[in-house]
Amino acid sequence: MQWGAVGVVIFYAMWRRIFALLRVEGLAAWIGLMVVLQNVFSSLFNSHLFDFHEGWMYVLGVGIAGGMVLRAGSEAESSGTARP
């Protein structure tokens, strides 16, 4: 399905939000950023989100890394060690 300019805007907004989520320290955030950067640069030449293997690697990589970052952030807030 072709979305045109609207799809590009939505796609860039998604990438910006994921980058904002993963801009913390830690291995999970670094791995997540590498998955997103690989997808950004490879999407310049081909849409990997619609290829089975590449699409699932992106979904799993960002999903797991993002979940780990969110979990670490909520644990830090609950223990009182969150950064200002």
PDB file of N, CA and C in Angstrom:
ATOM      1  N   MET A   1       0.843  -1.165   0.000  1.00  0.00           N
ATOM      2  CA  MET A   1       0.000   0.000   0.000  1.00  0.00           C
ATOM      3  C   MET A   1       0.898   1.241   0.000  1.00  0.00           C
ATOM      4  N   GLN A   2       0.627   2.147  -0.864  1.00  0.00           N
ATOM      5  CA  GLN A   2       1.399   3.383  -0.963  1.00  0.00           C
ATOM      6  C   GLN A   2       0.701   4.487  -0.179  1.00  0.00           C
ATOM      7  N   TRP A   3       1.437   5.170   0.679  1.00  0.00           N
ATOM      8  CA  TRP A   3       0.859   6.239   1.494  1.00  0.00           C
ATOM      9  C   TRP A   3       1.327   7.614   1.056  1.00  0.00           C
ATOM     10  N   GLY A   4       2.361   7.697   0.258  1.00  0.00           N
ATOM     11  CA  GLY A   4       2.832   8.976  -0.246  1.00  0.00           C
ATOM     12  C   GLY A   4       3.435   9.848   0.835  1.00  0.00           C
ATOM     13  N   ALA A   5       3.205  11.152   0.731  1.00  0.00           N
ATOM     14  CA  ALA A   5       3.794  12.134   1.645  1.00  0.00           C
ATOM     15  C   ALA A   5       3.297  11.935   3.073  1.00  0.00           C
ATOM     16  N   VAL A   6       2.041  11.563   3.233  1.00  0.00           N
ATOM     17  CA  VAL A   6       1.500  11.329   4.576  1.00  0.00           C
ATOM     18  C   VAL A   6       2.242  10.174   5.241  1.00  0.00           C
ATOM     19  N   GLY A   7       2.501   9.118   4.505  1.00  0.00           N
ATOM     20  CA  GLY A   7       3.240   7.981   5.036  1.00  0.00           C
ATOM     21  C   GLY A   7       4.660   8.342   5.426  1.00  0.00           C
ATOM     22  N   VAL A   8       5.302   9.177   4.632  1.00  0.00           N
ATOM     23  CA  VAL A   8       6.666   9.614   4.953  1.00  0.00           C
ATOM     24  C   VAL A   8       6.671  10.414   6.252  1.00  0.00           C
ATOM     25  N   VAL A   9       5.716  11.307   6.416  1.00  0.00           N
ATOM     26  CA  VAL A   9       5.634  12.113   7.647  1.00  0.00           C
ATOM     27  C   VAL A   9       5.387  11.210   8.855  1.00  0.00           C
ATOM     28  N   ILE A  10       4.482  10.256   8.723  1.00  0.00           N
ATOM     29  CA  ILE A  10       4.203   9.330   9.823  1.00  0.00           C
ATOM     30  C   ILE A  10       5.437   8.477  10.134  1.00  0.00           C
ATOM     31  N   PHE A  11       6.119   8.030   9.104  1.00  0.00           N
ATOM     32  CA  PHE A  11       7.310   7.200   9.285  1.00  0.00           C
ATOM     33  C   PHE A  11       8.418   7.979   9.989  1.00  0.00           C
ATOM     34  N   TYR A  12       8.666   9.210   9.569  1.00  0.00           N
ATOM     35  CA  TYR A  12       9.678  10.033  10.234  1.00  0.00           C
ATOM     36  C   TYR A  12       9.287  10.348  11.667  1.00  0.00           C
ATOM     37  N   ALA A  13       8.005  10.578  11.930  1.00  0.00           N
ATOM     38  CA  ALA A  13       7.548  10.822  13.303  1.00  0.00           C
ATOM     39  C   ALA A  13       7.773   9.587  14.174  1.00  0.00           C
ATOM     40  N   MET A  14       7.553   8.410  13.610  1.00  0.00           N
ATOM     41  CA  MET A  14       7.794   7.175  14.342  1.00  0.00           C
ATOM     42  C   MET A  14       9.278   7.037  14.687  1.00  0.00           C
ATOM     43  N   TRP A  15      10.137   7.283  13.697  1.00  0.00           N
ATOM     44  CA  TRP A  15      11.576   7.201  13.968  1.00  0.00           C
ATOM     45  C   TRP A  15      12.012   8.214  15.017  1.00  0.00           C
ATOM     46  N   ARG A  16      11.499   9.430  14.960  1.00  0.00           N
ATOM     47  CA  ARG A  16      11.860  10.452  15.961  1.00  0.00           C
ATOM     48  C   ARG A  16      11.451  10.022  17.354  1.00  0.00           C
ATOM     49  N   ARG A  17      10.273   9.450  17.496  1.00  0.00           N
ATOM     50  CA  ARG A  17       9.793   9.008  18.807  1.00  0.00           C
ATOM     51  C   ARG A  17      10.646   7.860  19.331  1.00  0.00           C
ATOM     52  N   ILE A  18      11.019   6.935  18.465  1.00  0.00           N
ATOM     53  CA  ILE A  18      11.856   5.821  18.900  1.00  0.00           C
ATOM     54  C   ILE A  18      13.242   6.322  19.295  1.00  0.00           C
ATOM     55  N   PHE A  19      13.803   7.251  18.516  1.00  0.00           N
ATOM     56  CA  PHE A  19      15.096   7.833  18.894  1.00  0.00           C
ATOM     57  C   PHE A  19      15.007   8.518  20.250  1.00  0.00           C
ATOM     58  N   ALA A  20      13.929   9.245  20.521  1.00  0.00           N
ATOM     59  CA  ALA A  20      13.759   9.914  21.813  1.00  0.00           C
ATOM     60  C   ALA A  20      13.677   8.892  22.946  1.00  0.00           C
ATOM     61  N   LEU A  21      12.997   7.772  22.711  1.00  0.00           N
ATOM     62  CA  LEU A  21      12.875   6.731  23.720  1.00  0.00           C
ATOM     63  C   LEU A  21      14.226   6.108  24.039  1.00  0.00           C
ATOM     64  N   LEU A  22      15.056   5.927  23.015  1.00  0.00           N
ATOM     65  CA  LEU A  22      16.306   5.189  23.184  1.00  0.00           C
ATOM     66  C   LEU A  22      17.516   6.082  23.453  1.00  0.00           C
ATOM     67  N   ARG A  23      17.312   7.363  23.746  1.00  0.00           N
ATOM     68  CA  ARG A  23      18.440   8.257  24.019  1.00  0.00           C
ATOM     69  C   ARG A  23      18.808   8.248  25.496  1.00  0.00           C
ATOM     70  N   VAL A  24      19.078   7.085  26.012  1.00  0.00           N
ATOM     71  CA  VAL A  24      19.535   6.906  27.387  1.00  0.00           C
ATOM     72  C   VAL A  24      20.766   6.012  27.348  1.00  0.00           C
ATOM     73  N   GLU A  25      21.418   5.858  28.490  1.00  0.00           N
ATOM     74  CA  GLU A  25      22.589   5.003  28.558  1.00  0.00           C
ATOM     75  C   GLU A  25      22.168   3.559  28.776  1.00  0.00           C
ATOM     76  N   GLY A  26      22.973   2.654  28.298  1.00  0.00           N
ATOM     77  CA  GLY A  26      22.720   1.243  28.537  1.00  0.00           C
ATOM     78  C   GLY A  26      22.811   0.429  27.265  1.00  0.00           C
ATOM     79  N   LEU A  27      23.030  -0.851  27.460  1.00  0.00           N
ATOM     80  CA  LEU A  27      23.196  -1.774  26.336  1.00  0.00           C
ATOM     81  C   LEU A  27      21.909  -1.928  25.533  1.00  0.00           C
ATOM     82  N   ALA A  28      20.773  -2.031  26.212  1.00  0.00           N
ATOM     83  CA  ALA A  28      19.496  -2.216  25.506  1.00  0.00           C
ATOM     84  C   ALA A  28      19.202  -1.017  24.613  1.00  0.00           C
ATOM     85  N   ALA A  29      19.435   0.185  25.107  1.00  0.00           N
ATOM     86  CA  ALA A  29      19.198   1.387  24.307  1.00  0.00           C
ATOM     87  C   ALA A  29      20.151   1.431  23.117  1.00  0.00           C
ATOM     88  N   TRP A  30      21.393   1.045  23.319  1.00  0.00           N
ATOM     89  CA  TRP A  30      22.367   1.041  22.229  1.00  0.00           C
ATOM     90  C   TRP A  30      21.968   0.052  21.142  1.00  0.00           C
ATOM     91  N   ILE A  31      21.551  -1.138  21.543  1.00  0.00           N
ATOM     92  CA  ILE A  31      21.124  -2.136  20.565  1.00  0.00           C
ATOM     93  C   ILE A  31      19.888  -1.640  19.814  1.00  0.00           C
ATOM     94  N   GLY A  32      18.947  -1.064  20.518  1.00  0.00           N
ATOM     95  CA  GLY A  32      17.762  -0.521  19.873  1.00  0.00           C
ATOM     96  C   GLY A  32      18.093   0.568  18.875  1.00  0.00           C
ATOM     97  N   LEU A  33      19.020   1.458  19.241  1.00  0.00           N
ATOM     98  CA  LEU A  33      19.441   2.513  18.317  1.00  0.00           C
ATOM     99  C   LEU A  33      20.108   1.936  17.076  1.00  0.00           C
ATOM    100  N   MET A  34      20.891   0.903  17.253  1.00  0.00           N
ATOM    101  CA  MET A  34      21.546   0.289  16.099  1.00  0.00           C
ATOM    102  C   MET A  34      20.520  -0.356  15.161  1.00  0.00           C
ATOM    103  N   VAL A  35      19.487  -0.970  15.720  1.00  0.00           N
ATOM    104  CA  VAL A  35      18.432  -1.559  14.899  1.00  0.00           C
ATOM    105  C   VAL A  35      17.716  -0.469  14.103  1.00  0.00           C
ATOM    106  N   VAL A  36      17.403   0.647  14.770  1.00  0.00           N
ATOM    107  CA  VAL A  36      16.709   1.742  14.094  1.00  0.00           C
ATOM    108  C   VAL A  36      17.606   2.376  13.038  1.00  0.00           C
ATOM    109  N   LEU A  37      18.871   2.627  13.372  1.00  0.00           N
ATOM    110  CA  LEU A  37      19.782   3.220  12.394  1.00  0.00           C
ATOM    111  C   LEU A  37      19.973   2.318  11.183  1.00  0.00           C
ATOM    112  N   GLN A  38      20.061   1.016  11.413  1.00  0.00           N
ATOM    113  CA  GLN A  38      20.179   0.086  10.288  1.00  0.00           C
ATOM    114  C   GLN A  38      18.954   0.192   9.401  1.00  0.00           C
ATOM    115  N   ASN A  39      17.778   0.315  10.008  1.00  0.00           N
ATOM    116  CA  ASN A  39      16.552   0.419   9.227  1.00  0.00           C
ATOM    117  C   ASN A  39      16.472   1.744   8.494  1.00  0.00           C
ATOM    118  N   VAL A  40      16.905   2.833   9.140  1.00  0.00           N
ATOM    119  CA  VAL A  40      16.877   4.148   8.492  1.00  0.00           C
ATOM    120  C   VAL A  40      17.759   4.140   7.252  1.00  0.00           C
ATOM    121  N   PHE A  41      18.992   3.678   7.399  1.00  0.00           N
ATOM    122  CA  PHE A  41      19.915   3.706   6.264  1.00  0.00           C
ATOM    123  C   PHE A  41      19.552   2.697   5.179  1.00  0.00           C
ATOM    124  N   SER A  42      19.070   1.532   5.568  1.00  0.00           N
ATOM    125  CA  SER A  42      18.690   0.565   4.540  1.00  0.00           C
ATOM    126  C   SER A  42      17.405   0.968   3.840  1.00  0.00           C
ATOM    127  N   SER A  43      16.557   1.753   4.497  1.00  0.00           N
ATOM    128  CA  SER A  43      15.319   2.214   3.860  1.00  0.00           C
ATOM    129  C   SER A  43      15.579   3.267   2.788  1.00  0.00           C
ATOM    130  N   LEU A  44      16.782   3.814   2.763  1.00  0.00           N
ATOM    131  CA  LEU A  44      17.115   4.736   1.685  1.00  0.00           C
ATOM    132  C   LEU A  44      17.155   4.023   0.338  1.00  0.00           C
ATOM    133  N   PHE A  45      17.413   2.718   0.359  1.00  0.00           N
ATOM    134  CA  PHE A  45      17.567   1.941  -0.857  1.00  0.00           C
ATOM    135  C   PHE A  45      16.440   0.946  -1.084  1.00  0.00           C
ATOM    136  N   ASN A  46      15.803   0.472  -0.017  1.00  0.00           N
ATOM    137  CA  ASN A  46      14.765  -0.544  -0.131  1.00  0.00           C
ATOM    138  C   ASN A  46      13.894  -0.494   1.122  1.00  0.00           C
ATOM    139  N   SER A  47      12.612  -0.772   1.009  1.00  0.00           N
ATOM    140  CA  SER A  47      11.732  -0.789   2.166  1.00  0.00           C
ATOM    141  C   SER A  47      11.794  -2.153   2.835  1.00  0.00           C
ATOM    142  N   HIS A  48      12.554  -2.239   3.910  1.00  0.00           N
ATOM    143  CA  HIS A  48      12.723  -3.518   4.591  1.00  0.00           C
ATOM    144  C   HIS A  48      11.587  -3.830   5.543  1.00  0.00           C
ATOM    145  N   LEU A  49      10.732  -2.876   5.844  1.00  0.00           N
ATOM    146  CA  LEU A  49       9.644  -3.166   6.757  1.00  0.00           C
ATOM    147  C   LEU A  49       8.627  -4.122   6.148  1.00  0.00           C
ATOM    148  N   PHE A  50       8.570  -4.204   4.834  1.00  0.00           N
ATOM    149  CA  PHE A  50       7.618  -5.092   4.193  1.00  0.00           C
ATOM    150  C   PHE A  50       8.244  -6.421   3.789  1.00  0.00           C
ATOM    151  N   ASP A  51       9.538  -6.587   4.010  1.00  0.00           N
ATOM    152  CA  ASP A  51      10.184  -7.882   3.820  1.00  0.00           C
ATOM    153  C   ASP A  51      10.035  -8.651   5.128  1.00  0.00           C
ATOM    154  N   PHE A  52       9.739  -9.929   5.038  1.00  0.00           N
ATOM    155  CA  PHE A  52       9.399 -10.694   6.235  1.00  0.00           C
ATOM    156  C   PHE A  52      10.504 -10.667   7.281  1.00  0.00           C
ATOM    157  N   HIS A  53      11.682 -11.101   6.925  1.00  0.00           N
ATOM    158  CA  HIS A  53      12.776 -11.221   7.893  1.00  0.00           C
ATOM    159  C   HIS A  53      13.196  -9.864   8.441  1.00  0.00           C
ATOM    160  N   GLU A  54      13.439  -8.902   7.580  1.00  0.00           N
ATOM    161  CA  GLU A  54      13.908  -7.589   8.019  1.00  0.00           C
ATOM    162  C   GLU A  54      12.849  -6.869   8.839  1.00  0.00           C
ATOM    163  N   GLY A  55      11.588  -7.012   8.443  1.00  0.00           N
ATOM    164  CA  GLY A  55      10.507  -6.374   9.189  1.00  0.00           C
ATOM    165  C   GLY A  55      10.375  -6.920  10.596  1.00  0.00           C
ATOM    166  N   TRP A  56      10.449  -8.245  10.734  1.00  0.00           N
ATOM    167  CA  TRP A  56      10.337  -8.833  12.060  1.00  0.00           C
ATOM    168  C   TRP A  56      11.569  -8.553  12.919  1.00  0.00           C
ATOM    169  N   MET A  57      12.736  -8.493  12.312  1.00  0.00           N
ATOM    170  CA  MET A  57      13.932  -8.134  13.086  1.00  0.00           C
ATOM    171  C   MET A  57      13.804  -6.716  13.641  1.00  0.00           C
ATOM    172  N   TYR A  58      13.233  -5.817  12.862  1.00  0.00           N
ATOM    173  CA  TYR A  58      13.017  -4.443  13.319  1.00  0.00           C
ATOM    174  C   TYR A  58      11.989  -4.419  14.448  1.00  0.00           C
ATOM    175  N   VAL A  59      10.877  -5.092  14.257  1.00  0.00           N
ATOM    176  CA  VAL A  59       9.817  -5.102  15.267  1.00  0.00           C
ATOM    177  C   VAL A  59      10.328  -5.708  16.576  1.00  0.00           C
ATOM    178  N   LEU A  60      10.986  -6.854  16.491  1.00  0.00           N
ATOM    179  CA  LEU A  60      11.486  -7.501  17.702  1.00  0.00           C
ATOM    180  C   LEU A  60      12.614  -6.706  18.347  1.00  0.00           C
ATOM    181  N   GLY A  61      13.554  -6.214  17.543  1.00  0.00           N
ATOM    182  CA  GLY A  61      14.680  -5.455  18.090  1.00  0.00           C
ATOM    183  C   GLY A  61      14.247  -4.197  18.801  1.00  0.00           C
ATOM    184  N   VAL A  62      13.409  -3.397  18.168  1.00  0.00           N
ATOM    185  CA  VAL A  62      12.948  -2.145  18.774  1.00  0.00           C
ATOM    186  C   VAL A  62      11.981  -2.435  19.917  1.00  0.00           C
ATOM    187  N   GLY A  63      11.130  -3.435  19.749  1.00  0.00           N
ATOM    188  CA  GLY A  63      10.168  -3.762  20.806  1.00  0.00           C
ATOM    189  C   GLY A  63      10.837  -4.232  22.081  1.00  0.00           C
ATOM    190  N   ILE A  64      11.782  -5.129  21.949  1.00  0.00           N
ATOM    191  CA  ILE A  64      12.467  -5.650  23.134  1.00  0.00           C
ATOM    192  C   ILE A  64      13.347  -4.576  23.756  1.00  0.00           C
ATOM    193  N   ALA A  65      14.129  -3.873  22.941  1.00  0.00           N
ATOM    194  CA  ALA A  65      15.003  -2.828  23.480  1.00  0.00           C
ATOM    195  C   ALA A  65      14.182  -1.703  24.111  1.00  0.00           C
ATOM    196  N   GLY A  66      13.121  -1.278  23.448  1.00  0.00           N
ATOM    197  CA  GLY A  66      12.274  -0.219  24.006  1.00  0.00           C
ATOM    198  C   GLY A  66      11.607  -0.641  25.302  1.00  0.00           C
ATOM    199  N   GLY A  67      11.139  -1.883  25.356  1.00  0.00           N
ATOM    200  CA  GLY A  67      10.538  -2.386  26.587  1.00  0.00           C
ATOM    201  C   GLY A  67      11.532  -2.443  27.733  1.00  0.00           C
ATOM    202  N   MET A  68      12.763  -2.854  27.436  1.00  0.00           N
ATOM    203  CA  MET A  68      13.786  -2.910  28.484  1.00  0.00           C
ATOM    204  C   MET A  68      14.139  -1.510  28.982  1.00  0.00           C
ATOM    205  N   VAL A  69      14.205  -0.538  28.064  1.00  0.00           N
ATOM    206  CA  VAL A  69      14.509   0.844  28.457  1.00  0.00           C
ATOM    207  C   VAL A  69      13.379   1.409  29.319  1.00  0.00           C
ATOM    208  N   LEU A  70      12.127   1.183  28.915  1.00  0.00           N
ATOM    209  CA  LEU A  70      10.994   1.671  29.703  1.00  0.00           C
ATOM    210  C   LEU A  70      10.939   1.009  31.073  1.00  0.00           C
ATOM    211  N   ARG A  71      11.226  -0.280  31.123  1.00  0.00           N
ATOM    212  CA  ARG A  71      11.220  -0.995  32.400  1.00  0.00           C
ATOM    213  C   ARG A  71      12.315  -0.471  33.322  1.00  0.00           C
ATOM    214  N   ALA A  72      13.511  -0.256  32.774  1.00  0.00           N
ATOM    215  CA  ALA A  72      14.609   0.268  33.593  1.00  0.00           C
ATOM    216  C   ALA A  72      14.268   1.667  34.098  1.00  0.00           C
ATOM    217  N   GLY A  73      13.631   2.474  33.263  1.00  0.00           N
ATOM    218  CA  GLY A  73      13.240   3.819  33.691  1.00  0.00           C
ATOM    219  C   GLY A  73      12.200   3.803  34.789  1.00  0.00           C
ATOM    220  N   SER A  74      11.215   2.919  34.696  1.00  0.00           N
ATOM    221  CA  SER A  74      10.189   2.857  35.734  1.00  0.00           C
ATOM    222  C   SER A  74      10.758   2.293  37.033  1.00  0.00           C
ATOM    223  N   GLU A  75      11.690   1.352  36.938  1.00  0.00           N
ATOM    224  CA  GLU A  75      12.332   0.816  38.151  1.00  0.00           C
ATOM    225  C   GLU A  75      13.186   1.883  38.813  1.00  0.00           C
ATOM    226  N   ALA A  76      13.879   2.703  38.015  1.00  0.00           N
ATOM    227  CA  ALA A  76      14.699   3.769  38.587  1.00  0.00           C
ATOM    228  C   ALA A  76      13.825   4.821  39.272  1.00  0.00           C
ATOM    229  N   GLU A  77      12.674   5.131  38.685  1.00  0.00           N
ATOM    230  CA  GLU A  77      11.773   6.104  39.288  1.00  0.00           C
ATOM    231  C   GLU A  77      11.195   5.576  40.604  1.00  0.00           C
ATOM    232  N   SER A  78      10.844   4.301  40.629  1.00  0.00           N
ATOM    233  CA  SER A  78      10.243   3.736  41.841  1.00  0.00           C
ATOM    234  C   SER A  78      11.254   3.592  42.974  1.00  0.00           C
ATOM    235  N   SER A  79      12.540   3.430  42.620  1.00  0.00           N
ATOM    236  CA  SER A  79      13.550   3.299  43.674  1.00  0.00           C
ATOM    237  C   SER A  79      14.140   4.655  44.062  1.00  0.00           C
ATOM    238  N   GLY A  80      13.761   5.708  43.355  1.00  0.00           N
ATOM    239  CA  GLY A  80      14.239   7.043  43.710  1.00  0.00           C
ATOM    240  C   GLY A  80      15.607   7.375  43.159  1.00  0.00           C
ATOM    241  N   THR A  81      16.108   6.605  42.215  1.00  0.00           N
ATOM    242  CA  THR A  81      17.441   6.858  41.672  1.00  0.00           C
ATOM    243  C   THR A  81      17.387   7.453  40.273  1.00  0.00           C
ATOM    244  N   ALA A  82      16.241   7.950  39.879  1.00  0.00           N
ATOM    245  CA  ALA A  82      16.101   8.517  38.540  1.00  0.00           C
ATOM    246  C   ALA A  82      16.891   9.807  38.424  1.00  0.00           C
ATOM    247  N   ARG A  83      17.440  10.024  37.239  1.00  0.00           N
ATOM    248  CA  ARG A  83      18.184  11.246  36.997  1.00  0.00           C
ATOM    249  C   ARG A  83      17.222  12.404  36.800  1.00  0.00           C
ATOM    250  N   PRO A  84      17.616  13.613  37.237  1.00  0.00           N
ATOM    251  CA  PRO A  84      16.727  14.773  37.043  1.00  0.00           C
ATOM    252  C   PRO A  84      16.596  15.170  35.602  1.00  0.00           C
TER     253      PRO A  84
END
